[in-house]
Protein backbone atom coordinates (compact mmCIF):
# COMPACT_ATOMS: atom_id res chain seq x y z
CA MET A 1 29.31 65.23 -88.05
CA ALA A 2 31.37 64.61 -84.91
CA ASN A 3 34.90 63.46 -85.42
CA ILE A 4 36.53 60.58 -83.56
CA LEU A 5 38.09 62.85 -80.93
CA ASP A 6 34.71 64.33 -79.98
CA LEU A 7 33.19 60.87 -79.73
CA ARG A 8 35.99 59.64 -77.45
CA ARG A 9 35.63 62.75 -75.27
CA ARG A 10 31.87 62.17 -75.02
CA ILE A 11 32.33 58.48 -74.13
CA ARG A 12 34.85 59.43 -71.42
CA SER A 13 32.44 62.02 -70.04
CA VAL A 14 29.59 59.49 -69.88
CA LYS A 15 31.85 56.95 -68.12
CA ASN A 16 32.92 59.55 -65.55
CA THR A 17 29.28 60.52 -64.92
CA ARG A 18 28.35 56.85 -64.50
CA GLN A 19 31.20 56.37 -62.01
CA ILE A 20 30.14 59.44 -59.96
CA THR A 21 26.50 58.27 -59.95
CA LYS A 22 27.55 54.82 -58.77
CA ALA A 23 29.60 56.33 -55.92
CA MET A 24 26.65 58.54 -54.88
CA LYS A 25 24.36 55.49 -54.84
CA MET A 26 26.79 53.62 -52.61
CA VAL A 27 27.00 56.55 -50.18
CA SER A 28 23.20 56.85 -50.11
CA ALA A 29 22.80 53.13 -49.48
CA ALA A 30 25.27 53.30 -46.59
CA LYS A 31 23.43 56.28 -45.04
CA LEU A 32 20.07 54.55 -45.46
CA ARG A 33 21.38 51.35 -43.91
CA ARG A 34 22.81 53.30 -40.94
CA ALA A 35 19.50 55.14 -40.42
CA GLN A 36 17.57 51.86 -40.58
CA GLU A 37 19.91 50.27 -38.04
CA GLN A 38 19.42 53.22 -35.68
CA MET A 39 15.66 52.95 -36.09
CA VAL A 40 15.71 49.22 -35.33
CA ALA A 41 17.95 49.86 -32.31
CA THR A 42 15.28 52.14 -30.76
CA ARG A 43 12.54 49.51 -30.95
CA PRO A 44 13.36 47.89 -27.58
CA TYR A 45 13.15 51.30 -25.90
CA ALA A 46 9.82 52.06 -27.57
CA ALA A 47 8.46 48.65 -26.57
CA MET A 48 9.62 49.14 -22.96
CA LEU A 49 8.10 52.62 -22.84
CA ALA A 50 4.79 51.28 -24.16
CA SER A 51 4.93 48.50 -21.58
CA VAL A 52 5.58 50.97 -18.73
CA LEU A 53 2.73 53.24 -19.83
CA ASP A 54 0.39 50.28 -20.21
CA SER A 55 1.35 49.05 -16.73
CA LEU A 56 0.72 52.50 -15.26
CA LYS A 57 -2.61 52.70 -17.00
CA ARG A 58 -3.71 49.36 -15.49
CA ARG A 59 -2.58 50.29 -11.98
CA VAL A 60 -4.15 53.74 -11.78
CA GLU A 61 -7.76 53.98 -10.82
CA THR A 62 -8.76 55.92 -13.87
CA TYR A 63 -12.31 56.91 -12.97
CA ASP A 64 -13.87 57.90 -9.68
CA PRO A 65 -16.70 55.36 -9.18
CA GLU A 66 -19.03 58.02 -7.72
CA THR A 67 -18.56 60.94 -10.10
CA ARG A 68 -17.32 58.97 -13.15
CA LYS A 69 -14.66 61.65 -13.70
CA LEU A 70 -10.97 61.10 -14.27
CA ARG A 71 -9.03 60.88 -11.03
CA HIS A 72 -5.44 61.35 -12.09
CA PRO A 73 -4.53 64.90 -13.21
CA LEU A 74 -2.26 63.61 -15.99
CA LEU A 75 -5.19 61.75 -17.54
CA ALA A 76 -7.58 64.71 -17.44
CA GLU A 77 -8.41 66.42 -20.72
CA ARG A 78 -7.58 70.10 -20.74
CA PRO A 79 -7.89 72.73 -23.45
CA GLU A 80 -4.77 73.23 -25.53
CA LYS A 81 -3.27 76.65 -24.91
CA LYS A 82 0.30 76.17 -26.07
CA LEU A 83 1.52 73.89 -28.85
CA THR A 84 4.97 72.88 -30.06
CA LEU A 85 5.29 72.32 -33.78
CA ILE A 86 8.36 70.32 -34.83
CA VAL A 87 9.16 70.98 -38.49
CA ILE A 88 11.63 68.44 -39.88
CA THR A 89 13.17 69.16 -43.29
CA GLY A 90 16.31 68.19 -45.11
CA ASP A 91 19.57 70.07 -45.16
CA LYS A 92 19.92 69.87 -48.93
CA GLY A 93 17.48 70.06 -51.81
CA PHE A 94 17.74 66.43 -52.93
CA ALA A 95 14.29 65.43 -51.68
CA GLY A 96 12.18 66.82 -54.50
CA ALA A 97 9.13 68.65 -53.19
CA PHE A 98 9.45 67.14 -49.69
CA ASN A 99 10.77 70.31 -48.02
CA THR A 100 8.19 72.51 -49.74
CA ASN A 101 5.32 70.22 -48.74
CA VAL A 102 6.49 70.06 -45.11
CA ILE A 103 6.81 73.86 -44.89
CA ARG A 104 3.40 74.29 -46.54
CA ALA A 105 1.75 71.82 -44.12
CA ALA A 106 3.36 73.59 -41.15
CA GLY A 107 2.10 76.94 -42.41
CA GLN A 108 -1.42 75.53 -42.78
CA PHE A 109 -1.25 74.14 -39.22
CA ILE A 110 -0.18 77.57 -37.93
CA ARG A 111 -3.06 79.27 -39.80
CA ASP A 112 -5.57 76.70 -38.50
CA ASN A 113 -4.41 77.23 -34.90
CA ASP A 114 -3.79 80.97 -34.96
CA HIS A 115 -5.69 81.48 -31.69
CA LYS A 116 -3.14 79.35 -29.80
CA GLN A 117 0.47 80.02 -28.85
CA ILE A 118 2.70 77.88 -31.05
CA ASP A 119 6.38 77.16 -30.44
CA ILE A 120 8.17 76.13 -33.62
CA GLU A 121 11.18 73.82 -33.43
CA PRO A 122 12.73 73.64 -36.93
CA ILE A 123 15.03 70.70 -37.59
CA GLY A 124 17.07 70.86 -40.78
CA ARG A 125 18.61 73.73 -42.65
CA LYS A 126 15.66 74.38 -44.96
CA ALA A 127 13.16 74.80 -42.11
CA ARG A 128 15.60 76.87 -40.06
CA ASP A 129 16.21 79.22 -43.00
CA ILE A 130 12.50 79.60 -43.80
CA TYR A 131 11.53 80.44 -40.22
CA ARG A 132 14.54 82.69 -39.79
CA ARG A 133 13.24 84.80 -42.69
CA SER A 134 9.56 84.55 -41.73
CA TYR A 135 9.73 85.64 -38.10
CA ARG A 136 11.63 88.26 -36.17
CA VAL A 137 14.96 86.83 -35.10
CA ALA A 138 16.69 87.18 -31.75
CA LEU A 139 19.89 85.19 -31.30
CA SER A 140 19.97 83.22 -28.08
CA LYS A 141 23.45 82.51 -26.70
CA GLU A 142 22.49 79.85 -24.16
CA ASP A 143 21.06 77.38 -26.68
CA GLY A 144 23.08 78.52 -29.68
CA GLY A 145 19.86 78.76 -31.62
CA VAL A 146 17.45 81.30 -32.95
CA THR A 147 14.42 82.42 -30.98
CA ARG A 148 11.52 83.95 -32.88
CA ARG A 149 8.71 85.97 -31.34
CA HIS A 150 5.49 86.11 -33.28
CA PRO A 151 1.82 86.12 -32.19
CA ARG A 152 1.35 82.67 -33.71
CA ALA A 153 4.89 81.39 -33.33
CA ALA A 154 6.07 82.36 -29.90
CA ARG A 155 9.41 80.55 -29.83
CA CYS A 156 11.51 78.89 -32.46
CA ARG A 157 14.95 77.32 -32.01
CA HIS A 158 17.11 75.20 -34.28
C-alpha cells in the first residue's frame, strides 16, 4: 500500500500535468484564433478576385458564333502535360494520421498520373522529409530549397 508521501507526490504530479495541459490548450486556442482571423482577412481579396474573373468572363466573347469554338486562348481546353502537386503537412506529429493520409493521397495521385510530369511542392517538415528521402536530392542555392529530379516528380522545393 502506498504511504502518504507517495500519495502526495502523485497528487503533485497530476496537478503539474493538468497545469501543463491547460497551458497547451491556451496556446492552441490562440494559434487557432490567429489562423481563423487570417482566413477571414483574405475573404475580401477572394471575393474581389471572383468578381474580377466573373466580370472578365462576361466581357469576353467566349464562343465564335460561326465555328462554336472557344475564342480566347486562356479559355481553351488543352491536354495536361505538366502538373504541380502541393503537399501540405504539419511540422510536428500532433495531427494523428493526418500527415500519413496526406502523403498516401499524394503518392496515389503520382501513381495515377505517372505519364505526366509532376512538380511536387512540399509544405511542412513532414512532407519535405518524406520527399527528400524518396527522390534524388540536389540542393538549390537560389531558392534555398531542395530540387528533386524523378520521372514522375520532376521538381520539388520546400
